[in-house]
C-alpha cells in the first residue's frame, strides 16, 4: 500500500479544468519529483492533495480517502505543504516561525526544535532574527524546518530551488533526500528538473494536466528526447 495514491484526479478553478485524470503514488521514505513546464498542473496537483482546490477522483493516504475533509483535517493527518514563495512570517523570528509550524500538534517541544536545528544549523544561529532578514536560502530552510515541526508523514514541496543559487538548492535538496531516507514521503514540484532528478528516486512528468511519463529518476535523466520535449534541458 502506497503512502499517497492519486487515482484519476481531476481539478478545476471555476469552469477551467486543470488536471485531467492524474494518477501517481509516493511510497513511505521516497522522494518523488513532479516535473513539467509552467502551467502543466504541478502546483494544482499539490493543492488537490491538500484539499484546497475543487477535486474529483480519489486521493488516498495509507489507503484511506482524504476527502471530503477540510484542509485542516488533512494537515492533522500528517500532510504538510511547503508552498512556492516559502510562506514564512517575515516579522516573526525564526524561533517563532518554527513554533507556528507545530500548531497542528498543539505546540512545539524542545525535542522538536533540537531536531530541526540539527538538520538546519543555520536556523539555530539566526533563531532570534526576524525571518524577513534572512537570505533566500535561509528562508527556504526555515520553511522546511517549520514543516518538520508538524511531524509530517507526507511533505509536499513546491519549487524548492526558486530564486536560489544552484549550490544552495542542491544543499537543500540533499536535506530533503535525507528526510525521505528517514521515513517521510516527499512529493517535490520543481522547475529545475535536473536538480530534482538528482535527488529523487522516481519522477512524473506533467503536460497540460496529464501525466505523460513516469520512470525511475535515472531513466528520465537518460531519456534525451523526453528531456528536450518536456523538461527543457
C-alpha atoms as a PDB file:
ATOM      1  CA  UNK A   1       0.000   0.000   0.000  1.00  0.00           C
ATOM      2  CA  UNK A   2       1.372   3.386  -1.007  1.00  0.00           C
ATOM      3  CA  UNK A   3       1.623   6.280   1.429  1.00  0.00           C
ATOM      4  CA  UNK A   4      -0.014   8.568  -1.148  1.00  0.00           C
ATOM      5  CA  UNK A   5      -2.032   7.500  -4.139  1.00  0.00           C
ATOM      6  CA  UNK A   6      -3.890   9.649  -6.661  1.00  0.00           C
ATOM      7  CA  UNK A   7      -6.332   7.830  -8.931  1.00  0.00           C
ATOM      8  CA  UNK A   8      -7.755   9.670 -11.900  1.00  0.00           C
ATOM      9  CA  UNK A   9      -7.705  13.030 -10.149  1.00  0.00           C
ATOM     10  CA  UNK A  10      -9.290  15.996 -11.884  1.00  0.00           C
ATOM     11  CA  UNK A  11      -9.149  19.544 -10.544  1.00  0.00           C
ATOM     12  CA  UNK A  12     -10.579  22.831 -11.690  1.00  0.00           C
ATOM     13  CA  UNK A  13     -10.724  26.518 -10.905  1.00  0.00           C
ATOM     14  CA  UNK A  14     -14.258  27.609 -11.643  1.00  0.00           C
ATOM     15  CA  UNK A  15     -15.092  26.218 -15.084  1.00  0.00           C
ATOM     16  CA  UNK A  16     -11.443  25.744 -16.048  1.00  0.00           C
ATOM     17  CA  UNK A  17     -10.241  22.174 -15.628  1.00  0.00           C
ATOM     18  CA  UNK A  18      -6.511  21.977 -14.904  1.00  0.00           C
ATOM     19  CA  UNK A  19      -5.910  18.307 -14.069  1.00  0.00           C
ATOM     20  CA  UNK A  20      -7.192  15.588 -16.392  1.00  0.00           C
ATOM     21  CA  UNK A  21      -7.097  12.247 -14.629  1.00  0.00           C
ATOM     22  CA  UNK A  22      -3.755  12.402 -12.824  1.00  0.00           C
ATOM     23  CA  UNK A  23      -2.617   9.157 -11.182  1.00  0.00           C
ATOM     24  CA  UNK A  24       0.576   8.821  -9.151  1.00  0.00           C
ATOM     25  CA  UNK A  25       1.999   7.278  -5.995  1.00  0.00           C
ATOM     26  CA  UNK A  26       4.516   8.180  -3.301  1.00  0.00           C
ATOM     27  CA  UNK A  27       5.853   5.480  -1.010  1.00  0.00           C
ATOM     28  CA  UNK A  28       6.892   5.896   2.621  1.00  0.00           C
ATOM     29  CA  UNK A  29      10.525   7.036   2.659  1.00  0.00           C
ATOM     30  CA  UNK A  30      10.533   8.006  -1.016  1.00  0.00           C
ATOM     31  CA  UNK A  31      11.273  11.327  -2.716  1.00  0.00           C
ATOM     32  CA  UNK A  32       9.265  11.683  -5.930  1.00  0.00           C
ATOM     33  CA  UNK A  33       9.740  14.582  -8.360  1.00  0.00           C
ATOM     34  CA  UNK A  34       6.767  16.077 -10.205  1.00  0.00           C
ATOM     35  CA  UNK A  35       8.084  17.869 -13.280  1.00  0.00           C
ATOM     36  CA  UNK A  36       6.819  19.848 -16.246  1.00  0.00           C
ATOM     37  CA  UNK A  37       6.656  23.289 -17.806  1.00  0.00           C
ATOM     38  CA  UNK A  38       4.911  26.269 -16.245  1.00  0.00           C
ATOM     39  CA  UNK A  39       1.163  25.736 -16.353  1.00  0.00           C
ATOM     40  CA  UNK A  40       1.423  21.943 -16.542  1.00  0.00           C
ATOM     41  CA  UNK A  41      -0.590  21.483 -13.348  1.00  0.00           C
ATOM     42  CA  UNK A  42       2.174  20.690 -10.868  1.00  0.00           C
ATOM     43  CA  UNK A  43       1.112  23.130  -8.139  1.00  0.00           C
ATOM     44  CA  UNK A  44      -2.535  22.228  -8.660  1.00  0.00           C
ATOM     45  CA  UNK A  45      -1.637  18.586  -8.017  1.00  0.00           C
ATOM     46  CA  UNK A  46      -0.236  19.538  -4.618  1.00  0.00           C
ATOM     47  CA  UNK A  47      -3.342  21.587  -3.884  1.00  0.00           C
ATOM     48  CA  UNK A  48      -5.505  18.621  -4.844  1.00  0.00           C
ATOM     49  CA  UNK A  49      -3.737  16.548  -2.194  1.00  0.00           C
ATOM     50  CA  UNK A  50      -4.207  19.299   0.414  1.00  0.00           C
ATOM     51  CA  UNK A  51      -7.868  19.838  -0.413  1.00  0.00           C
ATOM     52  CA  UNK A  52      -7.501  23.494  -1.356  1.00  0.00           C
ATOM     53  CA  UNK A  53      -8.833  23.127  -4.904  1.00  0.00           C
ATOM     54  CA  UNK A  54     -12.044  21.617  -6.271  1.00  0.00           C
ATOM     55  CA  UNK A  55     -11.204  17.998  -6.962  1.00  0.00           C
ATOM     56  CA  UNK A  56     -12.742  14.809  -8.363  1.00  0.00           C
ATOM     57  CA  UNK A  57     -11.201  11.356  -8.226  1.00  0.00           C
ATOM     58  CA  UNK A  58      -9.530   9.531  -5.370  1.00  0.00           C
ATOM     59  CA  UNK A  59      -6.762  10.904  -3.141  1.00  0.00           C
ATOM     60  CA  UNK A  60      -5.687   8.263  -0.629  1.00  0.00           C
ATOM     61  CA  UNK A  61      -3.300   8.404   2.318  1.00  0.00           C
ATOM     62  CA  UNK A  62      -2.296   4.943   3.543  1.00  0.00           C
ATOM     63  CA  UNK A  63      -5.227   3.567   1.583  1.00  0.00           C
ATOM     64  CA  UNK A  64      -7.844   5.866   3.152  1.00  0.00           C
ATOM     65  CA  UNK A  65      -9.619   8.547   1.151  1.00  0.00           C
ATOM     66  CA  UNK A  66      -8.699  12.050   2.270  1.00  0.00           C
ATOM     67  CA  UNK A  67     -11.913  13.663   1.039  1.00  0.00           C
ATOM     68  CA  UNK A  68     -14.383  15.007   1.859  1.00  0.00           C
ATOM     69  CA  UNK A  69     -12.207  16.546   4.576  1.00  0.00           C
ATOM     70  CA  UNK A  70     -11.138  20.108   5.274  1.00  0.00           C
ATOM     71  CA  UNK A  71      -7.548  21.213   4.579  1.00  0.00           C
ATOM     72  CA  UNK A  72      -7.069  21.496   8.356  1.00  0.00           C
ATOM     73  CA  UNK A  73      -8.063  17.866   8.862  1.00  0.00           C
ATOM     74  CA  UNK A  74      -5.769  16.802   6.039  1.00  0.00           C
ATOM     75  CA  UNK A  75      -2.908  18.643   7.766  1.00  0.00           C
ATOM     76  CA  UNK A  76      -3.732  16.938  11.052  1.00  0.00           C
ATOM     77  CA  UNK A  77      -3.294  13.601   9.306  1.00  0.00           C
ATOM     78  CA  UNK A  78       0.317  14.469   8.578  1.00  0.00           C
ATOM     79  CA  UNK A  79       0.170  16.076   5.131  1.00  0.00           C
ATOM     80  CA  UNK A  80       2.294  19.246   5.212  1.00  0.00           C
ATOM     81  CA  UNK A  81       2.626  21.688   2.319  1.00  0.00           C
ATOM     82  CA  UNK A  82       5.650  23.963   1.755  1.00  0.00           C
ATOM     83  CA  UNK A  83       4.313  26.425  -0.839  1.00  0.00           C
ATOM     84  CA  UNK A  84       6.212  28.246  -3.531  1.00  0.00           C
ATOM     85  CA  UNK A  85       7.486  31.523  -2.090  1.00  0.00           C
ATOM     86  CA  UNK A  86       8.234  29.871   1.274  1.00  0.00           C
ATOM     87  CA  UNK A  87       5.360  31.466   3.173  1.00  0.00           C
ATOM     88  CA  UNK A  88       7.379  32.427   6.235  1.00  0.00           C
ATOM     89  CA  UNK A  89       6.169  35.216   8.538  1.00  0.00           C
ATOM     90  CA  UNK A  90       8.677  37.982   7.875  1.00  0.00           C
ATOM     91  CA  UNK A  91       8.090  39.931  11.081  1.00  0.00           C
ATOM     92  CA  UNK A  92       8.330  36.882  13.353  1.00  0.00           C
ATOM     93  CA  UNK A  93      11.647  35.476  14.490  1.00  0.00           C
ATOM     94  CA  UNK A  94      13.000  32.178  13.247  1.00  0.00           C
ATOM     95  CA  UNK A  95      12.058  30.572  16.546  1.00  0.00           C
ATOM     96  CA  UNK A  96       8.532  31.983  16.423  1.00  0.00           C
ATOM     97  CA  UNK A  97       8.096  30.731  12.856  1.00  0.00           C
ATOM     98  CA  UNK A  98       9.140  27.246  13.916  1.00  0.00           C
ATOM     99  CA  UNK A  99       6.683  27.243  16.797  1.00  0.00           C
ATOM    100  CA  UNK A 100       3.894  28.216  14.397  1.00  0.00           C
ATOM    101  CA  UNK A 101       4.726  25.058  12.451  1.00  0.00           C
ATOM    102  CA  UNK A 102       3.676  22.902  15.393  1.00  0.00           C
ATOM    103  CA  UNK A 103       0.126  24.296  15.598  1.00  0.00           C
ATOM    104  CA  UNK A 104      -1.428  21.064  14.278  1.00  0.00           C
ATOM    105  CA  UNK A 105       0.198  19.236  17.190  1.00  0.00           C
ATOM    106  CA  UNK A 106      -0.904  21.772  19.806  1.00  0.00           C
ATOM    107  CA  UNK A 107       2.554  23.149  20.475  1.00  0.00           C
ATOM    108  CA  UNK A 108       6.281  22.679  19.969  1.00  0.00           C
ATOM    109  CA  UNK A 109       8.531  20.622  22.194  1.00  0.00           C
ATOM    110  CA  UNK A 110      12.212  21.246  22.881  1.00  0.00           C
ATOM    111  CA  UNK A 111      12.952  17.920  21.194  1.00  0.00           C
ATOM    112  CA  UNK A 112      11.193  19.101  18.026  1.00  0.00           C
ATOM    113  CA  UNK A 113      13.266  22.271  17.935  1.00  0.00           C
ATOM    114  CA  UNK A 114      16.512  20.387  18.548  1.00  0.00           C
ATOM    115  CA  UNK A 115      15.683  18.025  15.682  1.00  0.00           C
ATOM    116  CA  UNK A 116      15.164  20.946  13.296  1.00  0.00           C
ATOM    117  CA  UNK A 117      18.281  22.789  14.446  1.00  0.00           C
ATOM    118  CA  UNK A 118      20.352  19.639  13.968  1.00  0.00           C
ATOM    119  CA  UNK A 119      19.146  19.370  10.372  1.00  0.00           C
ATOM    120  CA  UNK A 120      19.449  23.106   9.689  1.00  0.00           C
ATOM    121  CA  UNK A 121      22.210  24.543  11.936  1.00  0.00           C
ATOM    122  CA  UNK A 122      21.913  27.970  10.312  1.00  0.00           C
ATOM    123  CA  UNK A 123      18.451  28.330  11.807  1.00  0.00           C
ATOM    124  CA  UNK A 124      19.835  27.954  15.307  1.00  0.00           C
ATOM    125  CA  UNK A 125      22.424  30.638  14.595  1.00  0.00           C
ATOM    126  CA  UNK A 126      19.658  33.028  13.488  1.00  0.00           C
ATOM    127  CA  UNK A 127      16.915  31.853  15.862  1.00  0.00           C
ATOM    128  CA  UNK A 128      16.237  35.336  17.270  1.00  0.00           C
ATOM    129  CA  UNK A 129      16.345  37.188  13.939  1.00  0.00           C
ATOM    130  CA  UNK A 130      13.211  38.178  12.004  1.00  0.00           C
ATOM    131  CA  UNK A 131      12.594  35.760   9.153  1.00  0.00           C
ATOM    132  CA  UNK A 132      12.446  38.658   6.700  1.00  0.00           C
ATOM    133  CA  UNK A 133      16.112  39.459   7.371  1.00  0.00           C
ATOM    134  CA  UNK A 134      17.336  36.030   6.230  1.00  0.00           C
ATOM    135  CA  UNK A 135      18.787  35.175   2.848  1.00  0.00           C
ATOM    136  CA  UNK A 136      16.640  33.323   0.330  1.00  0.00           C
ATOM    137  CA  UNK A 137      18.314  30.001   1.095  1.00  0.00           C
ATOM    138  CA  UNK A 138      17.896  30.555   4.838  1.00  0.00           C
ATOM    139  CA  UNK A 139      14.222  31.396   4.389  1.00  0.00           C
ATOM    140  CA  UNK A 140      13.722  28.217   2.381  1.00  0.00           C
ATOM    141  CA  UNK A 141      15.485  26.238   5.120  1.00  0.00           C
ATOM    142  CA  UNK A 142      13.129  27.889   7.620  1.00  0.00           C
ATOM    143  CA  UNK A 143      10.102  26.901   5.541  1.00  0.00           C
ATOM    144  CA  UNK A 144      11.295  23.288   5.554  1.00  0.00           C
ATOM    145  CA  UNK A 145      12.130  23.426   9.247  1.00  0.00           C
ATOM    146  CA  UNK A 146       8.708  24.810  10.074  1.00  0.00           C
ATOM    147  CA  UNK A 147       7.138  21.955   8.108  1.00  0.00           C
ATOM    148  CA  UNK A 148       9.158  19.407  10.077  1.00  0.00           C
ATOM    149  CA  UNK A 149       7.748  20.790  13.309  1.00  0.00           C
ATOM    150  CA  UNK A 150       4.416  19.228  12.308  1.00  0.00           C
ATOM    151  CA  UNK A 151       5.964  15.721  12.127  1.00  0.00           C
ATOM    152  CA  UNK A 152       4.850  15.165   8.515  1.00  0.00           C
ATOM    153  CA  UNK A 153       4.131  11.728   7.146  1.00  0.00           C
ATOM    154  CA  UNK A 154       3.922  13.290   3.692  1.00  0.00           C
ATOM    155  CA  UNK A 155       5.713  16.510   2.726  1.00  0.00           C
ATOM    156  CA  UNK A 156       4.604  18.453  -0.352  1.00  0.00           C
ATOM    157  CA  UNK A 157       7.266  20.911  -1.541  1.00  0.00           C
ATOM    158  CA  UNK A 158       6.626  23.448  -4.294  1.00  0.00           C
ATOM    159  CA  UNK A 159       9.580  24.932  -6.228  1.00  0.00           C
ATOM    160  CA  UNK A 160      12.274  24.486  -3.605  1.00  0.00           C
ATOM    161  CA  UNK A 161      15.013  25.924  -5.836  1.00  0.00           C
ATOM    162  CA  UNK A 162      13.152  29.060  -6.950  1.00  0.00           C
ATOM    163  CA  UNK A 163      15.395  32.115  -6.600  1.00  0.00           C
ATOM    164  CA  UNK A 164      18.304  30.152  -5.153  1.00  0.00           C
ATOM    165  CA  UNK A 165      21.844  29.662  -6.400  1.00  0.00           C
ATOM    166  CA  UNK A 166      22.406  26.095  -7.668  1.00  0.00           C
ATOM    167  CA  UNK A 167      24.748  25.225  -4.788  1.00  0.00           C
ATOM    168  CA  UNK A 168      22.197  26.345  -2.189  1.00  0.00           C
ATOM    169  CA  UNK A 169      19.418  24.469  -3.980  1.00  0.00           C
ATOM    170  CA  UNK A 170      21.490  21.283  -4.115  1.00  0.00           C
ATOM    171  CA  UNK A 171      22.199  21.524  -0.387  1.00  0.00           C
ATOM    172  CA  UNK A 172      18.511  21.854   0.475  1.00  0.00           C
ATOM    173  CA  UNK A 173      17.603  19.032  -1.892  1.00  0.00           C
ATOM    174  CA  UNK A 174      20.128  16.855  -0.087  1.00  0.00           C
ATOM    175  CA  UNK A 175      18.368  17.697   3.180  1.00  0.00           C
ATOM    176  CA  UNK A 176      15.083  16.605   1.566  1.00  0.00           C
ATOM    177  CA  UNK A 177      16.669  13.371   0.364  1.00  0.00           C
ATOM    178  CA  UNK A 178      17.896  12.666   3.908  1.00  0.00           C
ATOM    179  CA  UNK A 179      14.432  13.397   5.271  1.00  0.00           C
ATOM    180  CA  UNK A 180      12.895  10.910   2.858  1.00  0.00           C
ATOM    181  CA  UNK A 181      15.516   8.316   3.809  1.00  0.00           C
ATOM    182  CA  UNK A 182      14.426   8.729   7.445  1.00  0.00           C
ATOM    183  CA  UNK A 183      10.878   7.658   6.546  1.00  0.00           C
ATOM    184  CA  UNK A 184       8.944  10.708   5.340  1.00  0.00           C
ATOM    185  CA  UNK A 185       7.323  10.596   1.918  1.00  0.00           C
ATOM    186  CA  UNK A 186       8.181  13.657  -0.194  1.00  0.00           C
ATOM    187  CA  UNK A 187       6.440  14.896  -3.346  1.00  0.00           C
ATOM    188  CA  UNK A 188       8.592  17.636  -4.870  1.00  0.00           C
ATOM    189  CA  UNK A 189       7.385  20.016  -7.573  1.00  0.00           C
ATOM    190  CA  UNK A 190      10.336  21.511  -9.416  1.00  0.00           C
ATOM    191  CA  UNK A 191      11.004  23.599 -12.491  1.00  0.00           C
ATOM    192  CA  UNK A 192      14.731  22.766 -12.226  1.00  0.00           C
ATOM    193  CA  UNK A 193      14.294  19.208 -13.453  1.00  0.00           C
ATOM    194  CA  UNK A 194      17.969  18.254 -13.424  1.00  0.00           C
ATOM    195  CA  UNK A 195      18.404  19.222  -9.786  1.00  0.00           C
ATOM    196  CA  UNK A 196      15.223  17.440  -8.745  1.00  0.00           C
ATOM    197  CA  UNK A 197      16.048  14.205 -10.561  1.00  0.00           C
ATOM    198  CA  UNK A 198      19.492  14.127  -8.963  1.00  0.00           C
ATOM    199  CA  UNK A 199      17.788  13.830  -5.562  1.00  0.00           C
ATOM    200  CA  UNK A 200      14.626  11.882  -6.418  1.00  0.00           C
ATOM    201  CA  UNK A 201      14.027   8.150  -6.628  1.00  0.00           C
ATOM    202  CA  UNK A 202      11.293   8.465  -9.272  1.00  0.00           C
ATOM    203  CA  UNK A 203       9.711  11.165 -11.370  1.00  0.00           C
ATOM    204  CA  UNK A 204       6.450  12.023 -13.083  1.00  0.00           C
ATOM    205  CA  UNK A 205       6.202  14.453 -15.986  1.00  0.00           C
ATOM    206  CA  UNK A 206       3.041  16.505 -16.464  1.00  0.00           C
ATOM    207  CA  UNK A 207       1.890  18.250 -19.617  1.00  0.00           C
ATOM    208  CA  UNK A 208      -1.379  20.197 -19.684  1.00  0.00           C
ATOM    209  CA  UNK A 209      -2.657  18.431 -16.588  1.00  0.00           C
ATOM    210  CA  UNK A 210      -1.892  14.909 -17.793  1.00  0.00           C
ATOM    211  CA  UNK A 211       0.897  12.520 -16.799  1.00  0.00           C
ATOM    212  CA  UNK A 212       2.913  11.902 -19.975  1.00  0.00           C
ATOM    213  CA  UNK A 213       5.842   9.982 -18.473  1.00  0.00           C
ATOM    214  CA  UNK A 214       6.884   8.238 -15.291  1.00  0.00           C
ATOM    215  CA  UNK A 215      10.064   6.299 -14.557  1.00  0.00           C
ATOM    216  CA  UNK A 216      12.927   5.979 -12.094  1.00  0.00           C
ATOM    217  CA  UNK A 217      14.805   9.261 -11.947  1.00  0.00           C
ATOM    218  CA  UNK A 218      17.899   7.807 -13.602  1.00  0.00           C
ATOM    219  CA  UNK A 219      15.864   6.702 -16.628  1.00  0.00           C
ATOM    220  CA  UNK A 220      14.263  10.129 -17.022  1.00  0.00           C
ATOM    221  CA  UNK A 221      17.717  11.739 -16.913  1.00  0.00           C
ATOM    222  CA  UNK A 222      18.951   9.432 -19.676  1.00  0.00           C
ATOM    223  CA  UNK A 223      15.951   9.990 -21.973  1.00  0.00           C
ATOM    224  CA  UNK A 224      17.260  12.847 -24.112  1.00  0.00           C
ATOM    225  CA  UNK A 225      14.107  13.115 -26.240  1.00  0.00           C
ATOM    226  CA  UNK A 226      11.850  13.394 -23.189  1.00  0.00           C
ATOM    227  CA  UNK A 227      14.149  15.936 -21.553  1.00  0.00           C
ATOM    228  CA  UNK A 228      14.214  18.095 -24.649  1.00  0.00           C
ATOM    229  CA  UNK A 229      10.459  17.934 -25.223  1.00  0.00           C
ATOM    230  CA  UNK A 230       9.123  18.309 -21.687  1.00  0.00           C
ATOM    231  CA  UNK A 231      11.879  19.305 -19.274  1.00  0.00           C
ATOM    232  CA  UNK A 232      13.798  21.958 -21.200  1.00  0.00           C
ATOM    233  CA  UNK A 233      17.346  20.787 -20.598  1.00  0.00           C
END
